Amino acid sequence: MSDPRPTNYLDGKTLDKIKRIDVRARAVVEGFITGNHRSPYNGFAVEFASHREYTPGDDLRHIDWKVWSRTDRLYIKQYEEETNLNCHLLVDRSRSMKYGEHLGWSKFDHAATTAASLAWLMQRQQDAVGLTLFSNKLDRSMRPSTNQMHLKQLLHELEQTKCDEATDLSTALVSVANQFRQRGMVMLVSDLLLGLDDLKRAMEQFRLRKHDMIVFHVMHGDELEFPFQDNTMFRGLEQDVQLLAEPRALRRSYLEAMNRHLEGCKKTCAAAGVDYVLMDTTKPLDVALASYLNWRSRTRRQNGAKK
């Protein structure tokens, strides 16, 4: 078998040709690292542990040598905690995530590859990673671990997952929040098909427990652009309904409603202190991850400088 890693990473068509999710995840991470001049492995845990960069005159006893060994940069611990953390990946497997299968690359394909790539990155920086799959309830949960075999099992679980349940994100997310007692990092990967009040309630449950939370909002390009031209039969994935419509007459009102929802999701997350990342299935994954992590790193350094 030839090396599956592409050099111009990684649109949906390319990813679809790489069937195994562990191969896809490795390719995303390698594409991300190739395009990133800074070490990507301090993108999460260093900021989360409240470090700041060393400046001359700082007490050398507070230098975190574990971070130095990984990054070749000096950081000061602002408070004493373990530098590794528990990361919980929450992946939506409801039926709406199936959209795009007919085109060869679904929202769930994008979400699963995003989650697998994040798991790969987190383990590379010695952090424990767990996986929770949910729909209208908590369907499957794997506790965080740093074990390499655990990572393989996590990737296998994503590979085998089917999107065959209805959505009740609010109830599912609140249930999940109640499971995570120990403070850690929570990464939600979902299409967020729920009301903004429900989203707010769910985000507050995680933040009340002092989790550092990131929402990766996965949307198919069709949902964001509504490119349909001819008379089209629209069929519901969550409900048994269908509608024959002339798309051009609907496009303006649809896009206005969609943009209101996207902006509402972004503002709701910001108000709860949650990072929000819109993931377009038509855009390269490594670029999206690199863009977010670089933004996060800059923001945390700036905040640290203000303290």
Protein backbone atom coordinates (compact mmCIF):
# COMPACT_ATOMS: atom_id res chain seq x y z
CA MET A 1 0.00 0.00 0.00
CA SER A 2 1.36 3.41 -0.92
CA ASP A 3 1.75 6.16 1.68
CA PRO A 4 -1.76 7.68 2.05
CA ARG A 5 -0.59 11.05 3.32
CA PRO A 6 -1.39 13.81 0.86
CA THR A 7 0.82 16.86 0.50
CA ASN A 8 -2.02 19.33 0.03
CA TYR A 9 -4.09 18.39 3.01
CA LEU A 10 -7.03 17.47 3.40
CA ASP A 11 -10.35 18.19 1.84
CA GLY A 12 -13.35 15.91 2.10
CA LYS A 13 -12.62 14.09 -1.16
CA THR A 14 -9.08 13.30 -0.06
CA LEU A 15 -10.18 12.19 3.40
CA ASP A 16 -12.85 9.95 1.93
CA LYS A 17 -10.16 8.02 0.08
CA ILE A 18 -8.41 7.31 3.39
CA LYS A 19 -10.94 4.91 4.85
CA ARG A 20 -9.38 4.07 8.21
CA ILE A 21 -9.90 6.79 10.78
CA ASP A 22 -6.53 6.25 12.47
CA VAL A 23 -4.80 6.90 9.12
CA ARG A 24 -6.95 9.98 8.53
CA ALA A 25 -6.17 11.33 12.01
CA ARG A 26 -2.43 10.81 11.58
CA ALA A 27 -2.56 12.59 8.24
CA VAL A 28 -4.44 15.56 9.74
CA VAL A 29 -1.94 15.86 12.58
CA GLU A 30 1.06 15.59 10.28
CA GLY A 31 -0.43 18.16 7.94
CA PHE A 32 -1.07 20.41 10.92
CA ILE A 33 2.48 20.03 12.26
CA THR A 34 4.02 20.62 8.84
CA GLY A 35 2.26 23.96 8.51
CA ASN A 36 2.86 25.07 12.10
CA HIS A 37 6.22 26.64 12.99
CA ARG A 38 5.55 26.59 16.74
CA SER A 39 5.20 23.32 18.63
CA PRO A 40 1.54 22.30 18.51
CA TYR A 41 1.85 20.20 21.65
CA ASN A 42 1.54 23.11 24.08
CA GLY A 43 -1.62 24.38 22.42
CA PHE A 44 -3.93 23.02 25.11
CA ALA A 45 -2.35 22.00 28.38
CA VAL A 46 0.13 24.81 28.90
CA GLU A 47 -2.50 27.55 28.86
CA PHE A 48 -4.92 25.42 30.79
CA ALA A 49 -2.38 24.93 33.58
CA SER A 50 -1.98 28.73 33.87
CA HIS A 51 1.64 29.04 32.86
CA ARG A 52 3.27 32.16 31.54
CA GLU A 53 6.52 32.60 29.66
CA TYR A 54 9.66 33.05 31.73
CA THR A 55 11.14 36.53 32.01
CA PRO A 56 14.56 37.40 33.49
CA GLY A 57 14.32 37.75 37.26
CA ASP A 58 11.65 35.06 37.76
CA ASP A 59 12.35 32.49 40.48
CA LEU A 60 13.96 29.51 38.75
CA ARG A 61 12.30 27.14 41.24
CA HIS A 62 8.95 27.78 39.51
CA ILE A 63 10.09 26.84 36.00
CA ASP A 64 8.14 23.89 34.63
CA TRP A 65 10.93 21.64 33.33
CA LYS A 66 8.45 19.13 31.88
CA VAL A 67 7.15 21.80 29.55
CA TRP A 68 10.70 22.89 28.72
CA SER A 69 11.62 19.30 27.75
CA ARG A 70 8.71 19.18 25.27
CA THR A 71 8.84 22.70 23.86
CA ASP A 72 12.38 24.00 24.47
CA ARG A 73 10.75 27.10 25.98
CA LEU A 74 10.76 28.25 29.60
CA TYR A 75 7.41 28.64 31.38
CA ILE A 76 6.63 29.60 34.96
CA LYS A 77 3.89 27.83 36.90
CA GLN A 78 1.44 30.39 38.18
CA TYR A 79 0.02 27.81 40.54
CA GLU A 80 1.04 24.27 41.34
CA GLU A 81 -0.89 21.61 39.39
CA GLU A 82 -0.03 18.63 37.28
CA THR A 83 0.83 19.76 33.78
CA ASN A 84 -1.16 16.96 32.16
CA LEU A 85 -4.95 17.07 32.16
CA ASN A 86 -7.99 14.95 31.45
CA CYS A 87 -9.57 15.72 28.11
CA HIS A 88 -13.09 14.56 27.31
CA LEU A 89 -14.09 14.39 23.64
CA LEU A 90 -17.88 14.60 23.19
CA VAL A 91 -19.01 13.55 19.71
CA ASP A 92 -22.56 13.89 18.42
CA ARG A 93 -23.78 10.75 16.64
CA SER A 94 -27.40 11.81 16.07
CA ARG A 95 -29.02 11.25 12.68
CA SER A 96 -28.54 14.83 11.52
CA MET A 97 -24.80 14.14 11.51
CA LYS A 98 -25.34 11.73 8.60
CA TYR A 99 -25.87 14.58 6.18
CA GLY A 100 -23.32 14.46 3.38
CA GLU A 101 -23.14 10.66 3.13
CA HIS A 102 -24.63 10.88 -0.35
CA LEU A 103 -21.67 13.07 -1.33
CA GLY A 104 -19.09 10.76 0.25
CA TRP A 105 -18.21 12.93 3.27
CA SER A 106 -20.71 13.44 6.08
CA LYS A 107 -20.76 15.77 9.05
CA PHE A 108 -19.99 12.77 11.23
CA ASP A 109 -16.97 11.87 9.07
CA HIS A 110 -15.70 15.39 9.68
CA ALA A 111 -16.55 15.31 13.39
CA ALA A 112 -14.98 11.89 13.96
CA THR A 113 -11.79 12.84 12.15
CA THR A 114 -11.64 16.09 14.12
CA ALA A 115 -12.03 14.18 17.39
CA ALA A 116 -9.48 11.55 16.38
CA SER A 117 -6.97 14.24 15.41
CA LEU A 118 -7.45 16.04 18.72
CA ALA A 119 -7.02 12.77 20.60
CA TRP A 120 -3.79 12.13 18.74
CA LEU A 121 -2.48 15.60 19.56
CA MET A 122 -3.46 15.41 23.22
CA GLN A 123 -1.78 12.05 23.75
CA ARG A 124 1.37 13.31 22.06
CA GLN A 125 1.61 15.97 24.79
CA GLN A 126 1.09 13.33 27.52
CA ASP A 127 -2.51 14.24 28.34
CA ALA A 128 -5.25 11.70 29.07
CA VAL A 129 -8.04 11.49 26.50
CA GLY A 130 -11.53 10.02 26.83
CA LEU A 131 -14.47 9.71 24.45
CA THR A 132 -18.21 10.12 24.92
CA LEU A 133 -20.65 9.45 22.10
CA PHE A 134 -24.15 10.84 22.50
CA SER A 135 -27.41 11.48 20.65
CA ASN A 136 -30.57 11.92 22.71
CA LYS A 137 -28.70 10.26 25.59
CA LEU A 138 -25.23 9.23 26.64
CA ASP A 139 -24.56 6.25 24.35
CA ARG A 140 -20.94 5.26 24.98
CA SER A 141 -18.26 6.54 27.32
CA MET A 142 -14.54 5.82 27.61
CA ARG A 143 -12.66 7.23 30.59
CA PRO A 144 -9.57 9.37 29.87
CA SER A 145 -6.26 7.52 29.63
CA THR A 146 -2.75 8.12 28.31
CA ASN A 147 -2.30 4.48 27.28
CA GLN A 148 -1.52 3.95 23.59
CA MET A 149 -3.84 0.94 23.42
CA HIS A 150 -6.61 3.18 24.78
CA LEU A 151 -6.07 5.58 21.88
CA LYS A 152 -6.39 2.69 19.41
CA GLN A 153 -9.63 1.61 21.07
CA LEU A 154 -10.94 5.18 20.94
CA LEU A 155 -10.22 5.44 17.23
CA HIS A 156 -11.81 2.04 16.63
CA GLU A 157 -14.93 3.18 18.49
CA LEU A 158 -15.24 6.23 16.25
CA GLU A 159 -14.71 4.04 13.19
CA GLN A 160 -17.58 1.73 14.17
CA THR A 161 -20.07 4.41 15.23
CA LYS A 162 -23.34 4.80 13.32
CA CYS A 163 -25.60 7.85 13.37
CA ASP A 164 -28.97 6.28 14.00
CA GLU A 165 -30.63 8.13 16.88
CA ALA A 166 -32.74 11.27 17.14
CA THR A 167 -31.30 14.48 18.60
CA ASP A 168 -31.91 15.74 22.12
CA LEU A 169 -28.66 17.57 22.69
CA SER A 170 -29.78 19.56 25.70
CA THR A 171 -30.76 16.52 27.78
CA ALA A 172 -27.74 14.53 26.60
CA LEU A 173 -25.22 17.28 27.34
CA VAL A 174 -26.56 17.99 30.82
CA SER A 175 -26.38 14.26 31.53
CA VAL A 176 -22.79 14.17 30.29
CA ALA A 177 -21.83 17.21 32.39
CA ASN A 178 -23.04 15.42 35.50
CA GLN A 179 -20.64 12.54 34.72
CA PHE A 180 -17.50 14.69 34.72
CA ARG A 181 -16.74 15.52 38.34
CA GLN A 182 -13.02 16.20 38.01
CA ARG A 183 -11.98 19.46 36.44
CA GLY A 184 -10.55 19.03 32.96
CA MET A 185 -10.92 19.98 29.32
CA VAL A 186 -14.11 19.24 27.38
CA MET A 187 -14.24 19.35 23.58
CA LEU A 188 -17.71 19.14 22.08
CA VAL A 189 -18.00 18.21 18.39
CA SER A 190 -21.58 18.63 17.16
CA ASP A 191 -23.84 20.34 14.64
CA LEU A 192 -25.64 22.05 17.58
CA LEU A 193 -29.19 21.49 16.39
CA LEU A 194 -30.81 22.84 19.54
CA GLY A 195 -32.29 26.08 20.80
CA LEU A 196 -29.98 28.77 22.14
CA ASP A 197 -31.55 28.62 25.61
CA ASP A 198 -30.84 24.90 25.72
CA LEU A 199 -27.29 25.48 24.52
CA LYS A 200 -26.79 28.11 27.24
CA ARG A 201 -28.06 25.74 29.93
CA ALA A 202 -25.73 22.97 28.77
CA MET A 203 -22.66 25.23 28.54
CA GLU A 204 -23.31 26.59 32.03
CA GLN A 205 -23.36 23.05 33.45
CA PHE A 206 -19.85 22.42 32.18
CA ARG A 207 -18.50 25.81 33.23
CA LEU A 208 -19.99 25.51 36.72
CA ARG A 209 -17.68 22.54 37.14
CA LYS A 210 -14.78 24.76 35.99
CA HIS A 211 -14.02 22.77 32.86
CA ASP A 212 -12.06 24.45 30.09
CA MET A 213 -14.44 23.95 27.18
CA ILE A 214 -14.22 24.18 23.40
CA VAL A 215 -17.14 23.76 21.00
CA PHE A 216 -16.36 22.59 17.47
CA HIS A 217 -19.53 23.40 15.53
CA VAL A 218 -19.55 21.07 12.50
CA MET A 219 -21.67 22.25 9.58
CA HIS A 220 -21.90 20.86 6.06
CA GLY A 221 -21.12 23.25 3.23
CA ASP A 222 -24.67 22.81 1.90
CA GLU A 223 -26.07 24.03 5.21
CA LEU A 224 -23.85 27.09 5.18
CA GLU A 225 -24.27 28.04 1.50
CA PHE A 226 -27.63 26.52 0.47
CA PRO A 227 -26.36 26.00 -3.10
CA PHE A 228 -29.48 24.26 -4.47
CA GLN A 229 -30.92 25.61 -7.72
CA ASP A 230 -33.57 23.33 -9.20
CA ASN A 231 -36.75 22.06 -7.56
CA THR A 232 -35.53 19.87 -4.71
CA MET A 233 -37.11 17.32 -2.41
CA PHE A 234 -35.85 17.99 1.11
CA ARG A 235 -36.15 15.04 3.49
CA GLY A 236 -35.78 15.18 7.25
CA LEU A 237 -33.09 13.09 8.92
CA GLU A 238 -34.51 13.48 12.41
CA GLN A 239 -38.21 13.32 11.48
CA ASP A 240 -40.12 11.50 8.77
CA VAL A 241 -41.03 14.60 6.77
CA GLN A 242 -40.30 15.80 3.27
CA LEU A 243 -40.84 19.02 1.35
CA LEU A 244 -40.68 19.72 -2.37
CA ALA A 245 -39.51 23.31 -2.79
CA GLU A 246 -38.02 25.81 -5.20
CA PRO A 247 -34.72 26.61 -3.42
CA ARG A 248 -34.05 30.01 -4.95
CA ALA A 249 -37.22 31.35 -3.37
CA LEU A 250 -36.08 30.10 0.05
CA ARG A 251 -32.38 30.89 -0.09
CA ARG A 252 -32.40 34.41 1.34
CA SER A 253 -34.65 33.66 4.30
CA TYR A 254 -32.85 30.38 4.98
CA LEU A 255 -29.40 31.99 5.05
CA GLU A 256 -30.66 34.80 7.30
CA ALA A 257 -32.03 32.24 9.76
CA MET A 258 -28.86 30.15 9.58
CA ASN A 259 -26.60 33.14 10.17
CA ARG A 260 -28.72 34.21 13.15
CA HIS A 261 -28.32 30.72 14.61
CA LEU A 262 -24.57 30.64 14.03
CA GLU A 263 -24.11 34.07 15.57
CA GLY A 264 -26.34 33.06 18.47
CA CYS A 265 -24.26 29.93 19.11
CA LYS A 266 -21.05 31.96 19.03
CA LYS A 267 -22.39 34.60 21.45
CA THR A 268 -23.88 31.99 23.79
CA CYS A 269 -20.54 30.20 24.02
CA ALA A 270 -18.64 33.46 24.53
CA ALA A 271 -20.99 34.51 27.34
CA ALA A 272 -20.30 31.19 29.09
CA GLY A 273 -16.52 31.52 28.65
CA VAL A 274 -16.46 28.71 26.08
CA ASP A 275 -14.30 28.76 22.93
CA TYR A 276 -16.33 28.41 19.73
CA VAL A 277 -14.95 27.10 16.44
CA LEU A 278 -17.10 26.82 13.30
CA MET A 279 -16.00 23.79 11.27
CA ASP A 280 -16.99 23.82 7.59
CA THR A 281 -16.84 20.31 6.10
CA THR A 282 -15.55 21.76 2.82
CA LYS A 283 -12.47 23.29 4.48
CA PRO A 284 -9.18 21.47 5.26
CA LEU A 285 -9.12 20.14 8.81
CA ASP A 286 -5.46 20.80 9.54
CA VAL A 287 -5.87 24.45 8.57
CA ALA A 288 -8.90 24.86 10.83
CA LEU A 289 -7.13 23.25 13.81
CA ALA A 290 -3.93 25.24 13.30
CA SER A 291 -5.87 28.48 13.03
CA TYR A 292 -7.76 27.82 16.23
CA LEU A 293 -4.76 26.65 18.27
CA ASN A 294 -2.65 29.61 17.17
CA TRP A 295 -5.49 31.95 18.16
CA ARG A 296 -5.86 30.20 21.51
CA SER A 297 -2.14 30.35 22.21
CA ARG A 298 -1.98 34.09 21.40
CA THR A 299 -5.04 34.83 23.51
CA ARG A 300 -3.73 32.95 26.54
CA ARG A 301 -0.33 34.69 26.31
CA GLN A 302 -2.00 38.09 26.07
CA ASN A 303 -4.24 37.33 29.04
CA GLY A 304 -1.25 36.10 31.00
CA ALA A 305 0.64 39.32 30.23
CA LYS A 306 -2.25 41.40 31.57
CA LYS A 307 -2.28 39.64 34.94
